[in-house]
Every structure is written in C-alpha cells, then in structure tokens.
Amino acid sequence: MKLLRLSALLLVGVLTQTTGYALTEDLKKQAQISADSQNIDLGKNVAIYKGNVKITQGSIEISADYLEIFNHGKRGEEVMVFSGKPARFSQTMDDGARIAAKAQDIRFERANNLIKMSSNVAVQWGENTVSGDAISYDIVKRILDADGNPKNDEQVTTILQPKEDKQPKEDKNVDE
C-alpha cells in the first residue's frame, strides 16, 4: 500500500513540474447544472438530476447519467455525487493543459474542493495516466491520491511518457 501511495506521489511530482495550476478563477465562479430532469426537496436540501447531467464551474466540467446533491442551496457547501457509464471530470490549468478523468462514481465536495472518484478510475494529465479503484484529486493543492483494490489484487497503474526527442529525425534512404 505504501508503494502505491509513493508511486502516486511521484507521479504528482512529475506532473506538477510540467503543468500549471488549475485556473485560479474556477472556484470563485458559480456552478451551473443542466439535465433532462430534476427533483428538488427543499425541506431536506437534496436535489436529484437525471439524464445527460452536466455541471460547469469555470473550466471545471463534470458529466454523468445521474447526480444527487446534498446541502442543495447551501452556498459552496454542496456535496455532489455523480454516477455514470462512465461519469467524467475535466479542468483546464492556467497554462492551458487539461486534467481529465473518468469513473463510475464521482463525488465533488465543493466546501473543500475535493474530487473523489471510484470504480474503474482513469486520470490523464498531459500524456501521463494513472488508473486504479479509487483516486481523489484536491483541486487547490493539486494532490492526486490513488488506491488499488486489494480484494481483487488490483494495483494502481501509472504510465509516464518518455522525454520528447527535440532533435529532428534524419530521413534514411533504404537504397543507400
């Protein structure tokens, strides 16, 4: 387990050296939700959105088949639980790069700017990827924490791309 966390931290270190911060204005913007249908229980502060659900907050985009929001209407304290086949998350960094993820379930805790993803999770940052059973992403601190599933002997998998060769390749004539 320690090795899994170390590999995730190593990846974060490598990734943060090559990409910028999340758009600084994202978390100061309102969240907009669209869906095919919605049901809001004002007494319980719970909302349910179904079908083609999409939320945008600045450059943050999350899409899913189903969304349940707890603390609905409590400004900035909402907990949004998405499910899909898969549900998707993406955000643009200040330098224009994107972090993108997909999972069966995504939980967005707006009060602490945390995205928690579970079940068949894959995260792509630049050309590098991390996959596992559960991955959380702190939007402000830019910390990615990944876990495998020991019950299924599933480990976290990290794929780091090699350094790009900046020298032009020479064309070699086969006949020479």
N, C-alpha and C. Protein backbone atom coordinates (compact mmCIF):
# COMPACT_ATOMS: atom_id res chain seq x y z
N MET A 1 0.83 -1.19 0.00
CA MET A 1 0.00 0.00 0.00
C MET A 1 0.87 1.26 0.00
N LYS A 2 1.96 1.23 0.79
CA LYS A 2 2.85 2.39 0.82
C LYS A 2 3.47 2.62 -0.54
N LEU A 3 3.82 1.54 -1.25
CA LEU A 3 4.40 1.65 -2.57
C LEU A 3 3.42 2.31 -3.53
N LEU A 4 2.14 1.96 -3.41
CA LEU A 4 1.12 2.56 -4.28
C LEU A 4 1.03 4.06 -4.06
N ARG A 5 1.01 4.46 -2.80
CA ARG A 5 0.92 5.89 -2.50
C ARG A 5 2.18 6.63 -2.95
N LEU A 6 3.34 5.99 -2.78
CA LEU A 6 4.59 6.61 -3.22
C LEU A 6 4.60 6.80 -4.73
N SER A 7 4.10 5.82 -5.48
CA SER A 7 4.08 5.96 -6.94
C SER A 7 3.13 7.07 -7.35
N ALA A 8 2.00 7.21 -6.66
CA ALA A 8 1.07 8.29 -6.98
C ALA A 8 1.70 9.64 -6.65
N LEU A 9 2.39 9.73 -5.52
CA LEU A 9 3.04 10.99 -5.16
C LEU A 9 4.16 11.32 -6.14
N LEU A 10 4.91 10.31 -6.58
CA LEU A 10 5.95 10.52 -7.58
C LEU A 10 5.34 11.07 -8.86
N LEU A 11 4.24 10.49 -9.27
CA LEU A 11 3.58 10.96 -10.48
C LEU A 11 3.15 12.40 -10.33
N VAL A 12 2.56 12.74 -9.20
CA VAL A 12 2.13 14.13 -8.98
C VAL A 12 3.33 15.06 -9.07
N GLY A 13 4.44 14.67 -8.49
CA GLY A 13 5.64 15.50 -8.55
C GLY A 13 6.09 15.72 -9.98
N VAL A 14 6.09 14.66 -10.78
CA VAL A 14 6.49 14.77 -12.18
C VAL A 14 5.50 15.63 -12.94
N LEU A 15 4.22 15.40 -12.72
CA LEU A 15 3.19 16.13 -13.45
C LEU A 15 3.18 17.61 -13.12
N THR A 16 3.34 17.95 -11.87
CA THR A 16 3.27 19.35 -11.50
C THR A 16 4.47 20.13 -11.99
N GLN A 17 5.54 19.46 -12.35
CA GLN A 17 6.69 20.15 -12.89
C GLN A 17 6.43 20.55 -14.34
N THR A 18 5.51 19.87 -15.02
CA THR A 18 5.30 20.13 -16.43
C THR A 18 3.99 20.84 -16.73
N THR A 19 3.13 21.01 -15.74
CA THR A 19 1.86 21.67 -15.99
C THR A 19 1.65 22.78 -14.98
N GLY A 20 0.70 23.69 -15.29
CA GLY A 20 0.46 24.82 -14.42
C GLY A 20 -0.60 24.54 -13.39
N TYR A 21 -0.97 25.55 -12.68
CA TYR A 21 -2.00 25.43 -11.66
C TYR A 21 -3.37 25.40 -12.30
N ALA A 22 -4.34 24.87 -11.56
CA ALA A 22 -5.72 24.91 -12.02
C ALA A 22 -6.12 26.37 -12.17
N LEU A 23 -7.00 26.63 -13.11
CA LEU A 23 -7.41 28.01 -13.32
C LEU A 23 -7.83 28.63 -12.00
N THR A 24 -7.16 29.69 -11.63
CA THR A 24 -7.34 30.28 -10.32
C THR A 24 -8.74 30.84 -10.10
N GLU A 25 -9.44 31.18 -11.15
CA GLU A 25 -10.76 31.77 -11.02
C GLU A 25 -11.89 30.74 -10.96
N ASP A 26 -11.60 29.47 -11.27
CA ASP A 26 -12.65 28.45 -11.33
C ASP A 26 -13.49 28.39 -10.06
N LEU A 27 -12.84 28.33 -8.92
CA LEU A 27 -13.55 28.12 -7.67
C LEU A 27 -14.30 29.36 -7.18
N LYS A 28 -14.08 30.48 -7.82
CA LYS A 28 -14.79 31.71 -7.47
C LYS A 28 -16.04 31.90 -8.33
N LYS A 29 -16.25 30.99 -9.28
CA LYS A 29 -17.39 31.10 -10.19
C LYS A 29 -18.55 30.24 -9.73
N GLN A 30 -19.74 30.58 -10.21
CA GLN A 30 -20.93 29.80 -9.88
C GLN A 30 -20.91 28.47 -10.62
N ALA A 31 -21.59 27.50 -10.07
CA ALA A 31 -21.74 26.20 -10.70
C ALA A 31 -23.09 26.17 -11.41
N GLN A 32 -23.09 25.73 -12.67
CA GLN A 32 -24.32 25.64 -13.46
C GLN A 32 -24.58 24.18 -13.79
N ILE A 33 -25.81 23.73 -13.55
CA ILE A 33 -26.19 22.33 -13.76
C ILE A 33 -27.27 22.26 -14.83
N SER A 34 -27.09 21.33 -15.76
CA SER A 34 -28.15 21.05 -16.73
C SER A 34 -28.40 19.54 -16.74
N ALA A 35 -29.66 19.15 -17.00
CA ALA A 35 -30.04 17.73 -17.02
C ALA A 35 -31.37 17.60 -17.73
N ASP A 36 -31.73 16.36 -18.06
CA ASP A 36 -33.03 16.11 -18.68
C ASP A 36 -34.17 16.33 -17.69
N SER A 37 -33.94 16.01 -16.41
CA SER A 37 -34.97 16.24 -15.39
C SER A 37 -34.32 16.50 -14.04
N GLN A 38 -35.09 17.14 -13.16
CA GLN A 38 -34.60 17.40 -11.80
C GLN A 38 -35.76 17.32 -10.82
N ASN A 39 -35.41 16.96 -9.58
CA ASN A 39 -36.37 16.92 -8.49
C ASN A 39 -35.65 17.48 -7.27
N ILE A 40 -36.19 18.55 -6.70
CA ILE A 40 -35.55 19.19 -5.55
C ILE A 40 -36.48 19.10 -4.35
N ASP A 41 -35.97 18.55 -3.24
CA ASP A 41 -36.70 18.50 -1.98
C ASP A 41 -36.16 19.66 -1.14
N LEU A 42 -36.89 20.78 -1.15
CA LEU A 42 -36.44 21.98 -0.44
C LEU A 42 -36.36 21.78 1.06
N GLY A 43 -37.21 20.93 1.62
CA GLY A 43 -37.20 20.67 3.06
C GLY A 43 -35.97 19.91 3.50
N LYS A 44 -35.50 18.99 2.66
CA LYS A 44 -34.33 18.17 3.00
C LYS A 44 -33.04 18.69 2.38
N ASN A 45 -33.12 19.74 1.56
CA ASN A 45 -31.95 20.31 0.87
C ASN A 45 -31.24 19.26 0.02
N VAL A 46 -32.03 18.46 -0.71
CA VAL A 46 -31.49 17.43 -1.59
C VAL A 46 -32.09 17.62 -2.98
N ALA A 47 -31.24 17.49 -4.00
CA ALA A 47 -31.71 17.59 -5.38
C ALA A 47 -31.23 16.38 -6.16
N ILE A 48 -32.05 15.90 -7.07
CA ILE A 48 -31.69 14.78 -7.93
C ILE A 48 -31.86 15.22 -9.38
N TYR A 49 -30.81 15.00 -10.17
CA TYR A 49 -30.81 15.33 -11.60
C TYR A 49 -30.59 14.03 -12.36
N LYS A 50 -31.35 13.84 -13.45
CA LYS A 50 -31.26 12.61 -14.22
C LYS A 50 -31.12 12.91 -15.70
N GLY A 51 -30.33 12.08 -16.38
CA GLY A 51 -30.20 12.15 -17.83
C GLY A 51 -29.34 13.29 -18.34
N ASN A 52 -28.26 12.96 -19.02
CA ASN A 52 -27.37 13.96 -19.63
C ASN A 52 -27.01 15.08 -18.66
N VAL A 53 -26.62 14.71 -17.47
CA VAL A 53 -26.29 15.69 -16.43
C VAL A 53 -24.93 16.30 -16.74
N LYS A 54 -24.86 17.61 -16.63
CA LYS A 54 -23.59 18.31 -16.84
C LYS A 54 -23.52 19.48 -15.87
N ILE A 55 -22.37 19.60 -15.21
CA ILE A 55 -22.13 20.75 -14.34
C ILE A 55 -20.86 21.44 -14.83
N THR A 56 -20.91 22.76 -14.87
CA THR A 56 -19.73 23.55 -15.20
C THR A 56 -19.52 24.58 -14.10
N GLN A 57 -18.26 24.77 -13.76
CA GLN A 57 -17.87 25.81 -12.80
C GLN A 57 -16.53 26.33 -13.30
N GLY A 58 -16.56 27.46 -14.01
CA GLY A 58 -15.35 27.92 -14.67
C GLY A 58 -14.96 26.90 -15.72
N SER A 59 -13.70 26.44 -15.68
CA SER A 59 -13.25 25.42 -16.64
C SER A 59 -13.53 24.00 -16.16
N ILE A 60 -14.04 23.84 -14.94
CA ILE A 60 -14.38 22.52 -14.43
C ILE A 60 -15.65 22.04 -15.11
N GLU A 61 -15.60 20.80 -15.64
CA GLU A 61 -16.77 20.19 -16.24
C GLU A 61 -16.91 18.77 -15.70
N ILE A 62 -18.11 18.42 -15.27
CA ILE A 62 -18.40 17.06 -14.84
C ILE A 62 -19.68 16.65 -15.55
N SER A 63 -19.66 15.46 -16.15
CA SER A 63 -20.86 14.95 -16.82
C SER A 63 -21.14 13.54 -16.32
N ALA A 64 -22.43 13.18 -16.30
CA ALA A 64 -22.84 11.87 -15.77
C ALA A 64 -24.27 11.58 -16.21
N ASP A 65 -24.72 10.39 -15.83
CA ASP A 65 -26.10 10.00 -16.09
C ASP A 65 -27.03 10.44 -14.96
N TYR A 66 -26.45 10.56 -13.75
CA TYR A 66 -27.25 10.81 -12.55
C TYR A 66 -26.45 11.67 -11.58
N LEU A 67 -27.12 12.60 -10.91
CA LEU A 67 -26.47 13.46 -9.92
C LEU A 67 -27.41 13.65 -8.74
N GLU A 68 -26.86 13.46 -7.54
CA GLU A 68 -27.60 13.76 -6.32
C GLU A 68 -26.79 14.79 -5.55
N ILE A 69 -27.45 15.90 -5.18
CA ILE A 69 -26.77 16.98 -4.46
C ILE A 69 -27.33 17.07 -3.05
N PHE A 70 -26.43 16.99 -2.09
CA PHE A 70 -26.78 17.15 -0.68
C PHE A 70 -26.39 18.56 -0.26
N ASN A 71 -27.11 19.14 0.69
CA ASN A 71 -26.94 20.55 1.10
C ASN A 71 -27.29 21.49 -0.05
N HIS A 72 -28.22 21.07 -0.89
CA HIS A 72 -28.62 21.90 -2.04
C HIS A 72 -29.05 23.28 -1.57
N GLY A 73 -28.49 24.29 -2.16
CA GLY A 73 -28.84 25.66 -1.80
C GLY A 73 -27.98 26.24 -0.70
N LYS A 74 -27.14 25.44 -0.04
CA LYS A 74 -26.22 25.97 0.97
C LYS A 74 -24.95 26.37 0.25
N ARG A 75 -24.86 27.58 -0.06
CA ARG A 75 -23.85 28.17 -0.92
C ARG A 75 -22.42 27.66 -0.65
N GLY A 76 -21.86 26.96 -1.65
CA GLY A 76 -20.50 26.48 -1.59
C GLY A 76 -20.28 25.27 -0.70
N GLU A 77 -21.33 24.75 -0.06
CA GLU A 77 -21.19 23.61 0.85
C GLU A 77 -21.78 22.33 0.25
N GLU A 78 -22.20 22.40 -1.00
CA GLU A 78 -22.86 21.24 -1.61
C GLU A 78 -21.89 20.07 -1.77
N VAL A 79 -22.44 18.88 -1.63
CA VAL A 79 -21.74 17.64 -1.94
C VAL A 79 -22.50 17.04 -3.12
N MET A 80 -21.80 16.87 -4.23
CA MET A 80 -22.42 16.39 -5.47
C MET A 80 -21.91 14.98 -5.75
N VAL A 81 -22.84 14.04 -5.89
CA VAL A 81 -22.49 12.64 -6.12
C VAL A 81 -23.01 12.26 -7.52
N PHE A 82 -22.06 12.03 -8.43
CA PHE A 82 -22.36 11.70 -9.82
C PHE A 82 -22.17 10.21 -10.05
N SER A 83 -22.99 9.63 -10.93
CA SER A 83 -22.74 8.27 -11.38
C SER A 83 -23.00 8.21 -12.88
N GLY A 84 -22.25 7.34 -13.54
CA GLY A 84 -22.40 7.25 -14.99
C GLY A 84 -21.69 6.03 -15.54
N LYS A 85 -21.73 5.93 -16.84
CA LYS A 85 -21.12 4.80 -17.52
C LYS A 85 -20.18 5.29 -18.60
N PRO A 86 -19.12 5.95 -18.31
CA PRO A 86 -18.69 6.47 -17.00
C PRO A 86 -19.12 7.92 -16.80
N ALA A 87 -18.90 8.41 -15.59
CA ALA A 87 -19.00 9.85 -15.31
C ALA A 87 -17.63 10.44 -15.66
N ARG A 88 -17.59 11.70 -16.05
CA ARG A 88 -16.33 12.33 -16.50
C ARG A 88 -16.10 13.67 -15.81
N PHE A 89 -14.83 13.95 -15.54
CA PHE A 89 -14.39 15.20 -14.92
C PHE A 89 -13.26 15.77 -15.76
N SER A 90 -13.23 17.10 -15.94
CA SER A 90 -12.07 17.74 -16.58
C SER A 90 -11.93 19.17 -16.06
N GLN A 91 -10.70 19.67 -16.13
CA GLN A 91 -10.41 21.04 -15.72
C GLN A 91 -9.20 21.53 -16.49
N THR A 92 -9.20 22.80 -16.85
CA THR A 92 -8.09 23.42 -17.55
C THR A 92 -7.15 24.08 -16.55
N MET A 93 -5.85 23.89 -16.77
CA MET A 93 -4.82 24.53 -15.94
C MET A 93 -4.53 25.92 -16.50
N ASP A 94 -3.85 26.75 -15.71
CA ASP A 94 -3.52 28.10 -16.15
C ASP A 94 -2.70 28.11 -17.44
N ASP A 95 -1.87 27.07 -17.66
CA ASP A 95 -1.04 27.03 -18.87
C ASP A 95 -1.79 26.42 -20.06
N GLY A 96 -3.08 26.11 -19.90
CA GLY A 96 -3.87 25.57 -21.00
C GLY A 96 -3.94 24.05 -21.03
N ALA A 97 -3.10 23.36 -20.26
CA ALA A 97 -3.17 21.89 -20.20
C ALA A 97 -4.45 21.48 -19.47
N ARG A 98 -4.89 20.25 -19.70
CA ARG A 98 -6.11 19.76 -19.05
C ARG A 98 -5.83 18.51 -18.24
N ILE A 99 -6.54 18.39 -17.13
CA ILE A 99 -6.60 17.15 -16.39
C ILE A 99 -7.99 16.59 -16.67
N ALA A 100 -8.06 15.32 -17.00
CA ALA A 100 -9.34 14.70 -17.33
C ALA A 100 -9.41 13.34 -16.64
N ALA A 101 -10.61 12.96 -16.23
CA ALA A 101 -10.79 11.68 -15.53
C ALA A 101 -12.13 11.08 -15.89
N LYS A 102 -12.19 9.75 -15.72
CA LYS A 102 -13.46 9.06 -15.87
C LYS A 102 -13.54 8.00 -14.79
N ALA A 103 -14.77 7.76 -14.31
CA ALA A 103 -15.02 6.79 -13.25
C ALA A 103 -16.51 6.47 -13.23
N GLN A 104 -16.87 5.37 -12.59
CA GLN A 104 -18.29 5.06 -12.43
C GLN A 104 -18.96 6.06 -11.49
N ASP A 105 -18.22 6.46 -10.44
CA ASP A 105 -18.77 7.38 -9.44
C ASP A 105 -17.79 8.51 -9.17
N ILE A 106 -18.31 9.73 -9.13
CA ILE A 106 -17.51 10.92 -8.83
C ILE A 106 -18.23 11.70 -7.74
N ARG A 107 -17.50 12.08 -6.72
CA ARG A 107 -18.04 12.88 -5.62
C ARG A 107 -17.28 14.20 -5.60
N PHE A 108 -17.99 15.32 -5.73
CA PHE A 108 -17.39 16.65 -5.73
C PHE A 108 -17.82 17.35 -4.45
N GLU A 109 -16.87 17.54 -3.54
CA GLU A 109 -17.13 18.23 -2.28
C GLU A 109 -16.70 19.68 -2.45
N ARG A 110 -17.66 20.55 -2.72
CA ARG A 110 -17.35 21.95 -3.03
C ARG A 110 -16.72 22.69 -1.86
N ALA A 111 -17.10 22.35 -0.62
CA ALA A 111 -16.59 23.08 0.54
C ALA A 111 -15.08 22.93 0.70
N ASN A 112 -14.54 21.75 0.33
CA ASN A 112 -13.10 21.57 0.46
C ASN A 112 -12.42 21.31 -0.89
N ASN A 113 -13.11 21.58 -1.99
CA ASN A 113 -12.56 21.50 -3.35
C ASN A 113 -11.90 20.15 -3.63
N LEU A 114 -12.61 19.08 -3.29
CA LEU A 114 -12.08 17.74 -3.43
C LEU A 114 -12.96 16.93 -4.38
N ILE A 115 -12.31 16.24 -5.32
CA ILE A 115 -12.98 15.33 -6.24
C ILE A 115 -12.56 13.92 -5.82
N LYS A 116 -13.53 13.05 -5.50
CA LYS A 116 -13.26 11.66 -5.15
C LYS A 116 -13.90 10.78 -6.21
N MET A 117 -13.09 9.91 -6.81
CA MET A 117 -13.58 9.05 -7.89
C MET A 117 -13.39 7.58 -7.50
N SER A 118 -14.36 6.73 -7.86
CA SER A 118 -14.24 5.31 -7.54
C SER A 118 -14.81 4.45 -8.65
N SER A 119 -14.33 3.21 -8.69
CA SER A 119 -14.74 2.19 -9.66
C SER A 119 -14.27 2.50 -11.07
N ASN A 120 -13.25 1.77 -11.48
CA ASN A 120 -12.69 1.90 -12.84
C ASN A 120 -12.26 3.33 -13.15
N VAL A 121 -11.40 3.87 -12.30
CA VAL A 121 -10.96 5.26 -12.44
C VAL A 121 -9.73 5.35 -13.33
N ALA A 122 -9.73 6.32 -14.22
CA ALA A 122 -8.56 6.64 -15.04
C ALA A 122 -8.43 8.16 -15.08
N VAL A 123 -7.23 8.66 -14.80
CA VAL A 123 -6.95 10.09 -14.82
C VAL A 123 -5.83 10.34 -15.82
N GLN A 124 -6.03 11.33 -16.68
CA GLN A 124 -4.99 11.71 -17.64
C GLN A 124 -4.61 13.15 -17.38
N TRP A 125 -3.30 13.38 -17.27
CA TRP A 125 -2.77 14.71 -17.04
C TRP A 125 -1.64 14.88 -18.03
N GLY A 126 -1.84 15.71 -19.05
CA GLY A 126 -0.89 15.75 -20.15
C GLY A 126 -0.99 14.42 -20.88
N GLU A 127 0.16 13.78 -21.12
CA GLU A 127 0.15 12.48 -21.78
C GLU A 127 0.29 11.33 -20.79
N ASN A 128 0.41 11.63 -19.51
CA ASN A 128 0.58 10.61 -18.47
C ASN A 128 -0.78 10.18 -17.92
N THR A 129 -0.85 8.93 -17.45
CA THR A 129 -2.11 8.43 -16.91
C THR A 129 -1.90 7.70 -15.59
N VAL A 130 -2.94 7.71 -14.76
CA VAL A 130 -2.99 6.94 -13.53
C VAL A 130 -4.34 6.24 -13.53
N SER A 131 -4.36 4.95 -13.20
CA SER A 131 -5.63 4.25 -13.08
C SER A 131 -5.63 3.44 -11.79
N GLY A 132 -6.81 3.23 -11.25
CA GLY A 132 -6.95 2.49 -10.00
C GLY A 132 -8.41 2.36 -9.63
N ASP A 133 -8.64 1.83 -8.44
CA ASP A 133 -10.00 1.63 -7.96
C ASP A 133 -10.58 2.90 -7.36
N ALA A 134 -9.72 3.71 -6.74
CA ALA A 134 -10.18 4.96 -6.11
C ALA A 134 -9.08 6.02 -6.24
N ILE A 135 -9.45 7.19 -6.72
CA ILE A 135 -8.50 8.29 -6.87
C ILE A 135 -9.18 9.56 -6.38
N SER A 136 -8.48 10.33 -5.56
CA SER A 136 -9.01 11.63 -5.15
C SER A 136 -8.07 12.71 -5.67
N TYR A 137 -8.64 13.88 -5.95
CA TYR A 137 -7.89 15.00 -6.50
C TYR A 137 -8.28 16.27 -5.76
N ASP A 138 -7.31 16.88 -5.09
CA ASP A 138 -7.52 18.16 -4.41
C ASP A 138 -7.26 19.25 -5.44
N ILE A 139 -8.30 19.96 -5.83
CA ILE A 139 -8.23 20.96 -6.89
C ILE A 139 -7.27 22.09 -6.52
N VAL A 140 -7.28 22.54 -5.28
CA VAL A 140 -6.45 23.68 -4.87
C VAL A 140 -5.00 23.26 -4.66
N LYS A 141 -4.78 22.18 -3.92
CA LYS A 141 -3.42 21.75 -3.60
C LYS A 141 -2.76 20.98 -4.74
N ARG A 142 -3.55 20.54 -5.73
CA ARG A 142 -3.09 19.74 -6.86
C ARG A 142 -2.45 18.44 -6.39
N ILE A 143 -3.13 17.76 -5.50
CA ILE A 143 -2.64 16.48 -4.99
C ILE A 143 -3.55 15.37 -5.47
N LEU A 144 -2.94 14.38 -6.09
CA LEU A 144 -3.65 13.21 -6.60
C LEU A 144 -3.27 12.03 -5.71
N ASP A 145 -4.26 11.36 -5.13
CA ASP A 145 -4.03 10.23 -4.24
C ASP A 145 -4.78 9.04 -4.82
N ALA A 146 -4.05 7.95 -5.14
CA ALA A 146 -4.66 6.81 -5.80
C ALA A 146 -4.50 5.53 -4.98
N ASP A 147 -5.52 4.67 -5.03
CA ASP A 147 -5.50 3.38 -4.35
C ASP A 147 -5.99 2.30 -5.30
N GLY A 148 -5.40 1.11 -5.16
CA GLY A 148 -5.88 -0.06 -5.88
C GLY A 148 -6.98 -0.72 -5.06
N ASN A 149 -7.31 -1.95 -5.42
CA ASN A 149 -8.31 -2.71 -4.69
C ASN A 149 -7.68 -4.03 -4.25
N PRO A 150 -7.22 -4.11 -2.99
CA PRO A 150 -6.54 -5.32 -2.53
C PRO A 150 -7.42 -6.58 -2.59
N LYS A 151 -8.72 -6.43 -2.51
CA LYS A 151 -9.62 -7.59 -2.58
C LYS A 151 -9.52 -8.28 -3.94
N ASN A 152 -9.25 -7.51 -4.98
CA ASN A 152 -9.15 -8.06 -6.34
C ASN A 152 -7.71 -8.10 -6.84
N ASP A 153 -6.75 -7.89 -5.93
CA ASP A 153 -5.33 -7.80 -6.31
C ASP A 153 -5.10 -6.73 -7.37
N GLU A 154 -5.92 -5.69 -7.36
CA GLU A 154 -5.78 -4.59 -8.31
C GLU A 154 -4.87 -3.54 -7.72
N GLN A 155 -3.86 -3.17 -8.48
CA GLN A 155 -2.93 -2.13 -8.05
C GLN A 155 -3.19 -0.85 -8.82
N VAL A 156 -2.58 0.22 -8.35
CA VAL A 156 -2.57 1.48 -9.08
C VAL A 156 -1.58 1.32 -10.23
N THR A 157 -1.94 1.79 -11.40
CA THR A 157 -1.05 1.75 -12.55
C THR A 157 -0.76 3.18 -12.99
N THR A 158 0.51 3.50 -13.11
CA THR A 158 0.94 4.82 -13.57
C THR A 158 1.75 4.64 -14.84
N ILE A 159 1.43 5.41 -15.86
CA ILE A 159 2.17 5.37 -17.11
C ILE A 159 2.76 6.75 -17.36
N LEU A 160 4.09 6.82 -17.33
CA LEU A 160 4.82 8.07 -17.59
C LEU A 160 5.42 7.99 -18.98
N GLN A 161 5.24 9.03 -19.75
CA GLN A 161 5.77 9.06 -21.10
C GLN A 161 7.25 9.43 -21.08
N PRO A 162 8.03 8.95 -22.07
CA PRO A 162 9.45 9.28 -22.12
C PRO A 162 9.65 10.75 -22.51
N LYS A 163 10.84 11.23 -22.25
CA LYS A 163 11.19 12.60 -22.63
C LYS A 163 11.10 12.71 -24.14
N GLU A 164 10.53 13.81 -24.59
CA GLU A 164 10.36 14.01 -26.03
C GLU A 164 11.70 14.32 -26.66
N ASP A 165 11.99 13.68 -27.78
CA ASP A 165 13.22 13.91 -28.52
C ASP A 165 13.05 15.18 -29.34
N LYS A 166 13.85 16.20 -29.03
CA LYS A 166 13.71 17.51 -29.69
C LYS A 166 14.49 17.60 -31.00
N GLN A 167 15.38 16.62 -31.27
CA GLN A 167 16.19 16.66 -32.48
C GLN A 167 15.39 16.10 -33.65
N PRO A 168 15.50 16.77 -34.82
CA PRO A 168 14.79 16.25 -35.99
C PRO A 168 15.40 14.92 -36.43
N LYS A 169 14.53 14.04 -36.85
CA LYS A 169 14.99 12.73 -37.32
C LYS A 169 15.46 12.85 -38.76
N GLU A 170 16.56 12.15 -39.06
CA GLU A 170 17.07 12.15 -40.42
C GLU A 170 16.32 11.10 -41.22
N ASP A 171 15.96 11.47 -42.43
CA ASP A 171 15.35 10.51 -43.33
C ASP A 171 16.45 9.66 -43.93
N LYS A 172 16.35 8.38 -43.78
CA LYS A 172 17.33 7.47 -44.34
C LYS A 172 16.72 6.78 -45.52
N ASN A 173 17.46 6.81 -46.60
CA ASN A 173 17.00 6.15 -47.81
C ASN A 173 17.35 4.67 -47.70
N VAL A 174 16.42 3.81 -47.88
CA VAL A 174 16.62 2.37 -47.77
C VAL A 174 17.59 1.87 -48.82
N ASP A 175 17.66 2.54 -49.96
CA ASP A 175 18.50 2.10 -51.07
C ASP A 175 19.96 2.45 -50.85
N GLU A 176 20.32 3.26 -49.92
CA GLU A 176 21.71 3.66 -49.72
C GLU A 176 22.54 2.58 -49.14
